[in-house]
Amino acid sequence: MQWNCRLPGIAARAGILVWVLILAGCTAWTPEPEPEQAAIETAPSAPPAAESKPEIVPEAEPEPAIKPPTPPLAPPIAIVLTSSQPAYLDVASELAGHFENHTVYDLSQESLPPVAVLRSINDSDSMAVVAIGLRAAKSAVSMSESPVVFGQVFNYQQHELLSANSRGVAAVAPMDAQLAAWKQISPDLTRIGIIIGEGHDDLLQAAQLAAQKHGVELDVRVAHSDQETLYLFRRMLVNIDGFWLLPDNRVLSTRVLTEMLAESRRHNVAVAVPNEAMLQIGAAVAISTVAADIAKGIAGVLRRIQAGELDQVPPITELTEVRVTVNE
């Protein structure tokens, strides 16, 4: 079962000018003696003198007020992918629809090392660089001479990816929308656990606000390794009925994740994950981002860069949609 949730937006419609032409005149018909021919006279036969009438001149037509269209993203854009995995390729595919001129670079190709890619981009006329994934973002932020917009990077703080010349798009779907979707599927959820690494205070604050709104209590722990995550998870299992897994690879590993999902099944604790692929190893529900939504956020930032408004763009642009898939 899968659906998308979209937060409401506001759209503006252009006004329409109505053009009015004023046409006026006065004529009279007077039949001639011969019925088969008729002529239009300019004055009646009585009184003999023609009646003077004011001349009516059509009003001048106003110049139409045309609202300038949203400028297209015509300048060249460089799209740099960490690898060709579907999560990155899907975003790149959606991004292509927003640009008239773009070039895609895949850093997983041995023939394209990051230094060579960024040197080539710097020598081109690219307006900006879009970096998808951590490796692409680190390379672009450190070497690009053009503004950088990165996406699909969860731990951007640790790698110092935000600068005067770079902005990011959130790596996770909105916390409120995630919890709203999960509560719709499992309305009896009352206490949810979260384990995450350091440096995500804003994200946890958003999660707490969402929990208060939806009547859920959060049990939040901060870990420093994958083994500590497993230890904390086993301790909180007896007190929670749901676990909210966030994609912090600093405190997760494949081995630990597999053990956590096995433990959750034994204790009948539902686990919400950020990736649909995890449903195959026992997660209850996947609440993930939408590639088109990520591309839309990136394109919005690029439009402001094109307008010379980079300094007015927030450090991280939030997403607006979630994709929900339930493990049947």
C-alpha atoms as a PDB file:
ATOM      1  CA  MET A   1       0.000   0.000   0.000  1.00  0.00           C
ATOM      2  CA  GLN A   2       1.531   3.316  -1.015  1.00  0.00           C
ATOM      3  CA  TRP A   3       0.441   6.885  -1.243  1.00  0.00           C
ATOM      4  CA  ASN A   4       1.864  10.421  -1.250  1.00  0.00           C
ATOM      5  CA  CYS A   5       0.879  13.158   1.209  1.00  0.00           C
ATOM      6  CA  ARG A   6       1.255  16.812   0.078  1.00  0.00           C
ATOM      7  CA  LEU A   7       1.216  19.809   2.393  1.00  0.00           C
ATOM      8  CA  PRO A   8      -0.950  22.608   1.165  1.00  0.00           C
ATOM      9  CA  GLY A   9       0.554  25.448  -0.898  1.00  0.00           C
ATOM     10  CA  ILE A  10      -0.614  28.876  -2.079  1.00  0.00           C
ATOM     11  CA  ALA A  11      -0.775  29.805  -5.785  1.00  0.00           C
ATOM     12  CA  ALA A  12      -1.444  33.176  -7.381  1.00  0.00           C
ATOM     13  CA  ARG A  13      -3.350  33.755 -10.618  1.00  0.00           C
ATOM     14  CA  ALA A  14      -2.765  36.610 -12.990  1.00  0.00           C
ATOM     15  CA  GLY A  15      -5.596  39.069 -13.618  1.00  0.00           C
ATOM     16  CA  ILE A  16      -7.296  39.379 -17.017  1.00  0.00           C
ATOM     17  CA  LEU A  17      -7.873  42.765 -18.683  1.00  0.00           C
ATOM     18  CA  VAL A  18     -11.188  43.163 -20.579  1.00  0.00           C
ATOM     19  CA  TRP A  19     -10.858  45.269 -23.738  1.00  0.00           C
ATOM     20  CA  VAL A  20     -13.969  47.369 -24.618  1.00  0.00           C
ATOM     21  CA  LEU A  21     -14.417  49.150 -27.950  1.00  0.00           C
ATOM     22  CA  ILE A  22     -17.078  51.904 -27.964  1.00  0.00           C
ATOM     23  CA  LEU A  23     -18.650  52.201 -31.386  1.00  0.00           C
ATOM     24  CA  ALA A  24     -21.481  54.701 -31.887  1.00  0.00           C
ATOM     25  CA  GLY A  25     -23.328  56.373 -34.776  1.00  0.00           C
ATOM     26  CA  CYS A  26     -26.759  57.592 -35.830  1.00  0.00           C
ATOM     27  CA  THR A  27     -28.367  56.876 -39.223  1.00  0.00           C
ATOM     28  CA  ALA A  28     -31.869  56.995 -40.638  1.00  0.00           C
ATOM     29  CA  TRP A  29     -33.482  55.117 -43.470  1.00  0.00           C
ATOM     30  CA  THR A  30     -35.608  57.051 -46.047  1.00  0.00           C
ATOM     31  CA  PRO A  31     -37.076  55.059 -48.938  1.00  0.00           C
ATOM     32  CA  GLU A  32     -36.546  56.369 -52.506  1.00  0.00           C
ATOM     33  CA  PRO A  33     -39.406  56.407 -55.021  1.00  0.00           C
ATOM     34  CA  GLU A  34     -38.136  53.208 -56.602  1.00  0.00           C
ATOM     35  CA  PRO A  35     -38.647  50.303 -54.177  1.00  0.00           C
ATOM     36  CA  GLU A  36     -35.790  48.205 -55.567  1.00  0.00           C
ATOM     37  CA  GLN A  37     -33.195  50.835 -54.585  1.00  0.00           C
ATOM     38  CA  ALA A  38     -32.685  52.356 -51.141  1.00  0.00           C
ATOM     39  CA  ALA A  39     -30.253  54.992 -49.976  1.00  0.00           C
ATOM     40  CA  ILE A  40     -29.047  55.980 -46.537  1.00  0.00           C
ATOM     41  CA  GLU A  41     -29.687  59.669 -45.835  1.00  0.00           C
ATOM     42  CA  THR A  42     -27.630  61.585 -43.334  1.00  0.00           C
ATOM     43  CA  ALA A  43     -30.548  63.815 -42.183  1.00  0.00           C
ATOM     44  CA  PRO A  44     -34.331  63.456 -41.896  1.00  0.00           C
ATOM     45  CA  SER A  45     -36.584  65.224 -44.453  1.00  0.00           C
ATOM     46  CA  ALA A  46     -38.238  67.433 -41.800  1.00  0.00           C
ATOM     47  CA  PRO A  47     -37.030  69.775 -40.571  1.00  0.00           C
ATOM     48  CA  PRO A  48     -34.954  70.447 -43.719  1.00  0.00           C
ATOM     49  CA  ALA A  49     -31.731  71.340 -41.888  1.00  0.00           C
ATOM     50  CA  ALA A  50     -29.512  68.450 -40.832  1.00  0.00           C
ATOM     51  CA  GLU A  51     -29.424  67.933 -37.091  1.00  0.00           C
ATOM     52  CA  SER A  52     -25.948  68.419 -35.653  1.00  0.00           C
ATOM     53  CA  LYS A  53     -24.690  65.493 -33.574  1.00  0.00           C
ATOM     54  CA  PRO A  54     -21.522  65.305 -31.481  1.00  0.00           C
ATOM     55  CA  GLU A  55     -18.785  63.099 -32.847  1.00  0.00           C
ATOM     56  CA  ILE A  56     -18.063  60.092 -30.670  1.00  0.00           C
ATOM     57  CA  VAL A  57     -14.421  59.040 -30.579  1.00  0.00           C
ATOM     58  CA  PRO A  58     -13.496  55.583 -29.214  1.00  0.00           C
ATOM     59  CA  GLU A  59     -11.542  55.716 -25.981  1.00  0.00           C
ATOM     60  CA  ALA A  60      -7.854  54.978 -26.194  1.00  0.00           C
ATOM     61  CA  GLU A  61      -7.106  51.340 -25.418  1.00  0.00           C
ATOM     62  CA  PRO A  62      -4.889  50.924 -22.323  1.00  0.00           C
ATOM     63  CA  GLU A  63      -1.594  49.110 -22.607  1.00  0.00           C
ATOM     64  CA  PRO A  64      -2.010  45.518 -21.303  1.00  0.00           C
ATOM     65  CA  ALA A  65      -0.393  44.869 -17.918  1.00  0.00           C
ATOM     66  CA  ILE A  66       1.608  41.670 -18.420  1.00  0.00           C
ATOM     67  CA  LYS A  67       2.984  39.890 -15.371  1.00  0.00           C
ATOM     68  CA  PRO A  68       6.501  38.704 -16.154  1.00  0.00           C
ATOM     69  CA  PRO A  69       6.683  34.907 -16.227  1.00  0.00           C
ATOM     70  CA  THR A  70       8.892  32.948 -13.871  1.00  0.00           C
ATOM     71  CA  PRO A  71      12.306  32.996 -15.541  1.00  0.00           C
ATOM     72  CA  PRO A  72      13.321  29.578 -16.856  1.00  0.00           C
ATOM     73  CA  LEU A  73      16.446  27.924 -15.556  1.00  0.00           C
ATOM     74  CA  ALA A  74      18.204  28.504 -18.835  1.00  0.00           C
ATOM     75  CA  PRO A  75      21.804  28.904 -17.566  1.00  0.00           C
ATOM     76  CA  PRO A  76      23.748  25.626 -17.589  1.00  0.00           C
ATOM     77  CA  ILE A  77      23.549  23.526 -14.427  1.00  0.00           C
ATOM     78  CA  ALA A  78      26.024  20.811 -13.374  1.00  0.00           C
ATOM     79  CA  ILE A  79      24.491  17.827 -11.547  1.00  0.00           C
ATOM     80  CA  VAL A  80      27.033  15.730  -9.621  1.00  0.00           C
ATOM     81  CA  LEU A  81      25.959  12.320  -8.293  1.00  0.00           C
ATOM     82  CA  THR A  82      27.773  10.404  -5.575  1.00  0.00           C
ATOM     83  CA  SER A  83      26.871   7.174  -7.374  1.00  0.00           C
ATOM     84  CA  SER A  84      24.325   5.662  -9.712  1.00  0.00           C
ATOM     85  CA  GLN A  85      22.153   4.151  -6.986  1.00  0.00           C
ATOM     86  CA  PRO A  86      18.400   4.654  -7.591  1.00  0.00           C
ATOM     87  CA  ALA A  87      17.931   7.186  -4.770  1.00  0.00           C
ATOM     88  CA  TYR A  88      20.330   9.550  -6.553  1.00  0.00           C
ATOM     89  CA  LEU A  89      19.351   8.732 -10.131  1.00  0.00           C
ATOM     90  CA  ASP A  90      15.656   9.320  -9.404  1.00  0.00           C
ATOM     91  CA  VAL A  91      16.394  12.830  -8.145  1.00  0.00           C
ATOM     92  CA  ALA A  92      18.634  13.545 -11.145  1.00  0.00           C
ATOM     93  CA  SER A  93      15.879  12.380 -13.492  1.00  0.00           C
ATOM     94  CA  GLU A  94      13.354  14.683 -11.840  1.00  0.00           C
ATOM     95  CA  LEU A  95      15.835  17.568 -11.869  1.00  0.00           C
ATOM     96  CA  ALA A  96      16.242  17.270 -15.637  1.00  0.00           C
ATOM     97  CA  GLY A  97      12.685  18.511 -16.086  1.00  0.00           C
ATOM     98  CA  HIS A  98      13.514  21.803 -14.366  1.00  0.00           C
ATOM     99  CA  PHE A  99      16.498  22.777 -16.526  1.00  0.00           C
ATOM    100  CA  GLU A 100      16.869  23.679 -20.157  1.00  0.00           C
ATOM    101  CA  ASN A 101      20.594  22.931 -20.108  1.00  0.00           C
ATOM    102  CA  HIS A 102      22.295  20.522 -17.704  1.00  0.00           C
ATOM    103  CA  THR A 103      25.146  18.035 -17.508  1.00  0.00           C
ATOM    104  CA  VAL A 104      25.208  14.998 -15.183  1.00  0.00           C
ATOM    105  CA  TYR A 105      28.458  13.686 -13.648  1.00  0.00           C
ATOM    106  CA  ASP A 106      28.641  10.356 -11.784  1.00  0.00           C
ATOM    107  CA  LEU A 107      31.511  10.142  -9.300  1.00  0.00           C
ATOM    108  CA  SER A 108      31.222   6.359  -9.126  1.00  0.00           C
ATOM    109  CA  GLN A 109      32.768   6.143 -12.591  1.00  0.00           C
ATOM    110  CA  GLU A 110      36.498   5.582 -12.345  1.00  0.00           C
ATOM    111  CA  SER A 111      37.120   7.863 -15.304  1.00  0.00           C
ATOM    112  CA  LEU A 112      35.589  10.821 -13.420  1.00  0.00           C
ATOM    113  CA  PRO A 113      37.462  11.503 -10.156  1.00  0.00           C
ATOM    114  CA  PRO A 114      36.034  14.431  -8.157  1.00  0.00           C
ATOM    115  CA  VAL A 115      38.989  16.729  -8.870  1.00  0.00           C
ATOM    116  CA  ALA A 116      38.648  16.251 -12.632  1.00  0.00           C
ATOM    117  CA  VAL A 117      34.869  16.713 -12.496  1.00  0.00           C
ATOM    118  CA  LEU A 118      35.011  19.942 -10.519  1.00  0.00           C
ATOM    119  CA  ARG A 119      37.867  21.295 -12.626  1.00  0.00           C
ATOM    120  CA  SER A 120      35.754  20.676 -15.722  1.00  0.00           C
ATOM    121  CA  ILE A 121      32.733  22.374 -14.103  1.00  0.00           C
ATOM    122  CA  ASN A 122      34.813  25.385 -13.043  1.00  0.00           C
ATOM    123  CA  ASP A 123      36.066  25.759 -16.616  1.00  0.00           C
ATOM    124  CA  SER A 124      32.499  25.702 -17.955  1.00  0.00           C
ATOM    125  CA  ASP A 125      29.804  28.373 -17.810  1.00  0.00           C
ATOM    126  CA  SER A 126      27.676  26.513 -15.225  1.00  0.00           C
ATOM    127  CA  MET A 127      25.581  28.853 -13.094  1.00  0.00           C
ATOM    128  CA  ALA A 128      25.519  26.426 -10.141  1.00  0.00           C
ATOM    129  CA  VAL A 129      26.339  22.891  -9.037  1.00  0.00           C
ATOM    130  CA  VAL A 130      23.732  20.454  -7.730  1.00  0.00           C
ATOM    131  CA  ALA A 131      25.391  17.783  -5.568  1.00  0.00           C
ATOM    132  CA  ILE A 132      23.418  14.637  -4.686  1.00  0.00           C
ATOM    133  CA  GLY A 133      24.814  12.460  -1.897  1.00  0.00           C
ATOM    134  CA  LEU A 134      27.597  13.009   0.625  1.00  0.00           C
ATOM    135  CA  ARG A 135      30.648  12.435  -1.587  1.00  0.00           C
ATOM    136  CA  ALA A 136      29.315  14.731  -4.295  1.00  0.00           C
ATOM    137  CA  ALA A 137      28.408  17.395  -1.735  1.00  0.00           C
ATOM    138  CA  LYS A 138      31.821  17.334  -0.030  1.00  0.00           C
ATOM    139  CA  SER A 139      33.629  17.579  -3.364  1.00  0.00           C
ATOM    140  CA  ALA A 140      31.428  20.347  -4.732  1.00  0.00           C
ATOM    141  CA  VAL A 141      31.459  22.502  -1.599  1.00  0.00           C
ATOM    142  CA  SER A 142      35.246  22.281  -1.275  1.00  0.00           C
ATOM    143  CA  MET A 143      36.151  22.796  -4.945  1.00  0.00           C
ATOM    144  CA  SER A 144      33.326  24.526  -6.833  1.00  0.00           C
ATOM    145  CA  GLU A 145      33.679  28.174  -7.789  1.00  0.00           C
ATOM    146  CA  SER A 146      29.930  28.367  -8.458  1.00  0.00           C
ATOM    147  CA  PRO A 147      27.152  28.211  -5.842  1.00  0.00           C
ATOM    148  CA  VAL A 148      26.348  24.686  -4.638  1.00  0.00           C
ATOM    149  CA  VAL A 149      22.967  23.186  -3.702  1.00  0.00           C
ATOM    150  CA  PHE A 150      23.231  19.752  -2.076  1.00  0.00           C
ATOM    151  CA  GLY A 151      20.646  17.090  -1.313  1.00  0.00           C
ATOM    152  CA  GLN A 152      20.354  13.563   0.095  1.00  0.00           C
ATOM    153  CA  VAL A 153      22.871  14.366   2.871  1.00  0.00           C
ATOM    154  CA  PHE A 154      21.726  13.686   6.437  1.00  0.00           C
ATOM    155  CA  ASN A 155      24.825  14.634   8.456  1.00  0.00           C
ATOM    156  CA  TYR A 156      25.654  17.892   6.688  1.00  0.00           C
ATOM    157  CA  GLN A 157      26.629  19.562   9.994  1.00  0.00           C
ATOM    158  CA  GLN A 158      29.423  17.100  10.704  1.00  0.00           C
ATOM    159  CA  HIS A 159      30.971  17.711   7.284  1.00  0.00           C
ATOM    160  CA  GLU A 160      30.541  21.511   7.404  1.00  0.00           C
ATOM    161  CA  LEU A 161      28.698  21.649   4.098  1.00  0.00           C
ATOM    162  CA  LEU A 162      26.937  24.945   4.749  1.00  0.00           C
ATOM    163  CA  SER A 163      28.879  28.041   3.705  1.00  0.00           C
ATOM    164  CA  ALA A 164      28.337  31.461   2.171  1.00  0.00           C
ATOM    165  CA  ASN A 165      28.344  29.760  -1.226  1.00  0.00           C
ATOM    166  CA  SER A 166      26.271  26.638  -0.475  1.00  0.00           C
ATOM    167  CA  ARG A 167      22.753  25.686   0.573  1.00  0.00           C
ATOM    168  CA  GLY A 168      21.043  22.360   1.215  1.00  0.00           C
ATOM    169  CA  VAL A 169      17.697  20.583   0.849  1.00  0.00           C
ATOM    170  CA  ALA A 170      16.483  18.362   3.695  1.00  0.00           C
ATOM    171  CA  ALA A 171      17.331  14.665   3.549  1.00  0.00           C
ATOM    172  CA  VAL A 172      14.215  13.483   5.406  1.00  0.00           C
ATOM    173  CA  ALA A 173      10.531  14.099   4.895  1.00  0.00           C
ATOM    174  CA  PRO A 174       8.806  16.599   7.237  1.00  0.00           C
ATOM    175  CA  MET A 175       8.637  15.141  10.747  1.00  0.00           C
ATOM    176  CA  ASP A 176       5.040  16.205  11.310  1.00  0.00           C
ATOM    177  CA  ALA A 177       3.908  14.640   8.033  1.00  0.00           C
ATOM    178  CA  GLN A 178       5.814  11.438   8.840  1.00  0.00           C
ATOM    179  CA  LEU A 179       4.178  11.025  12.231  1.00  0.00           C
ATOM    180  CA  ALA A 180       0.736  11.976  10.909  1.00  0.00           C
ATOM    181  CA  ALA A 181       1.004   9.240   8.270  1.00  0.00           C
ATOM    182  CA  TRP A 182       2.236   6.673  10.786  1.00  0.00           C
ATOM    183  CA  LYS A 183      -0.569   7.492  13.234  1.00  0.00           C
ATOM    184  CA  GLN A 184      -3.084   7.078  10.448  1.00  0.00           C
ATOM    185  CA  ILE A 185      -1.794   3.557   9.876  1.00  0.00           C
ATOM    186  CA  SER A 186      -1.335   2.724  13.591  1.00  0.00           C
ATOM    187  CA  PRO A 187      -3.664   4.955  15.631  1.00  0.00           C
ATOM    188  CA  ASP A 188      -2.825   3.097  18.879  1.00  0.00           C
ATOM    189  CA  LEU A 189       0.813   4.295  18.924  1.00  0.00           C
ATOM    190  CA  THR A 190       1.526   5.983  22.238  1.00  0.00           C
ATOM    191  CA  ARG A 191       5.281   5.840  22.888  1.00  0.00           C
ATOM    192  CA  ILE A 192       7.939   5.960  20.169  1.00  0.00           C
ATOM    193  CA  GLY A 193      11.699   5.590  20.496  1.00  0.00           C
ATOM    194  CA  ILE A 194      14.374   7.461  18.543  1.00  0.00           C
ATOM    195  CA  ILE A 195      18.138   6.859  18.607  1.00  0.00           C
ATOM    196  CA  ILE A 196      20.332   9.328  16.735  1.00  0.00           C
ATOM    197  CA  GLY A 197      23.866  10.699  16.689  1.00  0.00           C
ATOM    198  CA  GLU A 198      24.912  14.138  17.895  1.00  0.00           C
ATOM    199  CA  GLY A 199      24.163  17.388  16.110  1.00  0.00           C
ATOM    200  CA  HIS A 200      20.495  17.058  15.138  1.00  0.00           C
ATOM    201  CA  ASP A 201      18.849  19.324  17.698  1.00  0.00           C
ATOM    202  CA  ASP A 202      16.599  21.041  15.126  1.00  0.00           C
ATOM    203  CA  LEU A 203      15.355  17.721  13.786  1.00  0.00           C
ATOM    204  CA  LEU A 204      14.616  16.410  17.283  1.00  0.00           C
ATOM    205  CA  GLN A 205      12.793  19.610  18.147  1.00  0.00           C
ATOM    206  CA  ALA A 206      10.594  19.139  15.067  1.00  0.00           C
ATOM    207  CA  ALA A 207       9.962  15.530  16.133  1.00  0.00           C
ATOM    208  CA  GLN A 208       8.973  16.621  19.653  1.00  0.00           C
ATOM    209  CA  LEU A 209       6.539  19.214  18.288  1.00  0.00           C
ATOM    210  CA  ALA A 210       5.012  16.584  16.000  1.00  0.00           C
ATOM    211  CA  ALA A 211       4.704  14.138  18.919  1.00  0.00           C
ATOM    212  CA  GLN A 212       2.893  16.714  21.054  1.00  0.00           C
ATOM    213  CA  LYS A 213       0.544  17.495  18.182  1.00  0.00           C
ATOM    214  CA  HIS A 214      -0.353  13.847  17.595  1.00  0.00           C
ATOM    215  CA  GLY A 215      -0.518  12.717  21.209  1.00  0.00           C
ATOM    216  CA  VAL A 216       2.638  10.615  21.243  1.00  0.00           C
ATOM    217  CA  GLU A 217       5.434  10.443  23.821  1.00  0.00           C
ATOM    218  CA  LEU A 218       8.998  10.277  22.492  1.00  0.00           C
ATOM    219  CA  ASP A 219      11.882   8.407  24.128  1.00  0.00           C
ATOM    220  CA  VAL A 220      14.983   9.990  22.542  1.00  0.00           C
ATOM    221  CA  ARG A 221      18.537   8.698  23.076  1.00  0.00           C
ATOM    222  CA  VAL A 222      21.827   9.960  21.595  1.00  0.00           C
ATOM    223  CA  ALA A 223      24.360   7.315  20.534  1.00  0.00           C
ATOM    224  CA  HIS A 224      27.998   7.519  19.442  1.00  0.00           C
ATOM    225  CA  SER A 225      28.417   4.152  17.702  1.00  0.00           C
ATOM    226  CA  ASP A 226      26.381   1.389  16.136  1.00  0.00           C
ATOM    227  CA  GLN A 227      27.023  -0.913  19.095  1.00  0.00           C
ATOM    228  CA  GLU A 228      25.750   1.739  21.511  1.00  0.00           C
ATOM    229  CA  THR A 229      22.650   2.110  19.328  1.00  0.00           C
ATOM    230  CA  LEU A 230      21.924  -1.614  19.677  1.00  0.00           C
ATOM    231  CA  TYR A 231      22.458  -1.460  23.441  1.00  0.00           C
ATOM    232  CA  LEU A 232      20.102   1.534  23.848  1.00  0.00           C
ATOM    233  CA  PHE A 233      17.529  -0.052  21.560  1.00  0.00           C
ATOM    234  CA  ARG A 234      17.377  -3.262  23.578  1.00  0.00           C
ATOM    235  CA  ARG A 235      16.884  -1.281  26.780  1.00  0.00           C
ATOM    236  CA  MET A 236      14.033   0.854  25.425  1.00  0.00           C
ATOM    237  CA  LEU A 237      12.154  -2.007  23.706  1.00  0.00           C
ATOM    238  CA  VAL A 238      10.122  -2.877  26.791  1.00  0.00           C
ATOM    239  CA  ASN A 239       8.772   0.680  27.078  1.00  0.00           C
ATOM    240  CA  ILE A 240       7.860   1.568  23.479  1.00  0.00           C
ATOM    241  CA  ASP A 241       5.347   0.372  20.904  1.00  0.00           C
ATOM    242  CA  GLY A 242       7.059   1.996  17.929  1.00  0.00           C
ATOM    243  CA  PHE A 243      10.596   2.907  16.837  1.00  0.00           C
ATOM    244  CA  TRP A 244      11.327   5.813  14.483  1.00  0.00           C
ATOM    245  CA  LEU A 245      14.507   4.991  12.562  1.00  0.00           C
ATOM    246  CA  LEU A 246      16.404   8.006  11.183  1.00  0.00           C
ATOM    247  CA  PRO A 247      19.140   7.577   8.525  1.00  0.00           C
ATOM    248  CA  ASP A 248      22.169   8.393  10.683  1.00  0.00           C
ATOM    249  CA  ASN A 249      24.834   6.058   9.325  1.00  0.00           C
ATOM    250  CA  ARG A 250      27.271   7.181  12.017  1.00  0.00           C
ATOM    251  CA  VAL A 251      25.366   5.129  14.601  1.00  0.00           C
ATOM    252  CA  LEU A 252      23.939   2.393  12.360  1.00  0.00           C
ATOM    253  CA  SER A 253      25.413  -0.524  10.441  1.00  0.00           C
ATOM    254  CA  THR A 254      23.925  -3.339   8.404  1.00  0.00           C
ATOM    255  CA  ARG A 255      24.630  -5.867  11.161  1.00  0.00           C
ATOM    256  CA  VAL A 256      23.115  -3.723  13.920  1.00  0.00           C
ATOM    257  CA  LEU A 257      20.099  -2.790  11.813  1.00  0.00           C
ATOM    258  CA  THR A 258      19.376  -6.463  11.090  1.00  0.00           C
ATOM    259  CA  GLU A 259      19.571  -7.311  14.806  1.00  0.00           C
ATOM    260  CA  MET A 260      17.342  -4.350  15.739  1.00  0.00           C
ATOM    261  CA  LEU A 261      14.611  -5.428  13.345  1.00  0.00           C
ATOM    262  CA  ALA A 262      14.808  -9.014  14.594  1.00  0.00           C
ATOM    263  CA  GLU A 263      14.500  -7.808  18.215  1.00  0.00           C
ATOM    264  CA  SER A 264      11.569  -5.534  17.296  1.00  0.00           C
ATOM    265  CA  ARG A 265       9.625  -8.442  15.810  1.00  0.00           C
ATOM    266  CA  ARG A 266      10.156 -10.524  18.948  1.00  0.00           C
ATOM    267  CA  HIS A 267       8.815  -7.675  21.098  1.00  0.00           C
ATOM    268  CA  ASN A 268       6.021  -6.732  18.665  1.00  0.00           C
ATOM    269  CA  VAL A 269       7.376  -3.194  18.234  1.00  0.00           C
ATOM    270  CA  ALA A 270       6.630  -1.561  14.868  1.00  0.00           C
ATOM    271  CA  VAL A 271       9.618   0.097  13.184  1.00  0.00           C
ATOM    272  CA  ALA A 272       9.219   2.986  10.734  1.00  0.00           C
ATOM    273  CA  VAL A 273      12.159   3.293   8.335  1.00  0.00           C
ATOM    274  CA  PRO A 274      13.177   5.940   5.762  1.00  0.00           C
ATOM    275  CA  ASN A 275      13.759   3.500   2.895  1.00  0.00           C
ATOM    276  CA  GLU A 276      11.344   1.082   1.229  1.00  0.00           C
ATOM    277  CA  ALA A 277      14.127  -1.491   0.748  1.00  0.00           C
ATOM    278  CA  MET A 278      14.175  -2.033   4.537  1.00  0.00           C
ATOM    279  CA  LEU A 279      10.672  -3.503   4.400  1.00  0.00           C
ATOM    280  CA  GLN A 280      12.234  -6.686   3.059  1.00  0.00           C
ATOM    281  CA  ILE A 281      14.171  -7.201   6.292  1.00  0.00           C
ATOM    282  CA  GLY A 282      11.249  -6.729   8.635  1.00  0.00           C
ATOM    283  CA  ALA A 283      10.345  -3.026   9.014  1.00  0.00           C
ATOM    284  CA  ALA A 284       6.639  -2.310   9.462  1.00  0.00           C
ATOM    285  CA  VAL A 285       6.318   0.878   7.424  1.00  0.00           C
ATOM    286  CA  ALA A 286       8.566   2.977   5.179  1.00  0.00           C
ATOM    287  CA  ILE A 287       8.079   6.753   5.342  1.00  0.00           C
ATOM    288  CA  SER A 288      10.404   8.154   2.728  1.00  0.00           C
ATOM    289  CA  THR A 289      11.060  11.257   0.666  1.00  0.00           C
ATOM    290  CA  VAL A 290       9.737  11.857  -2.853  1.00  0.00           C
ATOM    291  CA  ALA A 291      12.267  12.425  -5.639  1.00  0.00           C
ATOM    292  CA  ALA A 292      10.070  14.998  -7.372  1.00  0.00           C
ATOM    293  CA  ASP A 293       9.730  16.926  -4.101  1.00  0.00           C
ATOM    294  CA  ILE A 294      13.517  16.993  -3.612  1.00  0.00           C
ATOM    295  CA  ALA A 295      13.989  18.206  -7.190  1.00  0.00           C
ATOM    296  CA  LYS A 296      11.372  20.910  -6.705  1.00  0.00           C
ATOM    297  CA  GLY A 297      13.137  22.149  -3.572  1.00  0.00           C
ATOM    298  CA  ILE A 298      16.510  22.244  -5.337  1.00  0.00           C
ATOM    299  CA  ALA A 299      15.022  24.053  -8.346  1.00  0.00           C
ATOM    300  CA  GLY A 300      13.460  26.639  -6.042  1.00  0.00           C
ATOM    301  CA  VAL A 301      16.837  27.401  -4.480  1.00  0.00           C
ATOM    302  CA  LEU A 302      18.457  27.636  -7.924  1.00  0.00           C
ATOM    303  CA  ARG A 303      15.857  30.132  -9.095  1.00  0.00           C
ATOM    304  CA  ARG A 304      16.719  32.384  -6.181  1.00  0.00           C
ATOM    305  CA  ILE A 305      20.413  32.004  -6.937  1.00  0.00           C
ATOM    306  CA  GLN A 306      19.667  32.958 -10.539  1.00  0.00           C
ATOM    307  CA  ALA A 307      17.858  36.050  -9.208  1.00  0.00           C
ATOM    308  CA  GLY A 308      20.887  37.010  -7.096  1.00  0.00           C
ATOM    309  CA  GLU A 309      19.222  36.096  -3.787  1.00  0.00           C
ATOM    310  CA  LEU A 310      21.580  33.418  -2.466  1.00  0.00           C
ATOM    311  CA  ASP A 311      22.134  35.313   0.781  1.00  0.00           C
ATOM    312  CA  GLN A 312      18.360  35.267   1.423  1.00  0.00           C
ATOM    313  CA  VAL A 313      17.963  31.487   1.014  1.00  0.00           C
ATOM    314  CA  PRO A 314      17.683  29.522   4.304  1.00  0.00           C
ATOM    315  CA  PRO A 315      20.567  27.111   5.042  1.00  0.00           C
ATOM    316  CA  ILE A 316      18.278  24.074   4.618  1.00  0.00           C
ATOM    317  CA  THR A 317      15.100  24.075   2.531  1.00  0.00           C
ATOM    318  CA  GLU A 318      12.477  21.752   3.993  1.00  0.00           C
ATOM    319  CA  LEU A 319      10.579  19.195   1.932  1.00  0.00           C
ATOM    320  CA  THR A 320       6.782  19.056   1.723  1.00  0.00           C
ATOM    321  CA  GLU A 321       5.858  15.456   0.796  1.00  0.00           C
ATOM    322  CA  VAL A 322       6.122  11.924   2.157  1.00  0.00           C
ATOM    323  CA  ARG A 323       5.808   8.527   0.507  1.00  0.00           C
ATOM    324  CA  VAL A 324       4.294   5.847   2.736  1.00  0.00           C
ATOM    325  CA  THR A 325       4.594   2.117   2.057  1.00  0.00           C
ATOM    326  CA  VAL A 326       3.204  -0.474   4.485  1.00  0.00           C
ATOM    327  CA  ASN A 327       4.692  -3.941   4.881  1.00  0.00           C
ATOM    328  CA  GLU A 328       1.662  -6.195   4.342  1.00  0.00           C
END
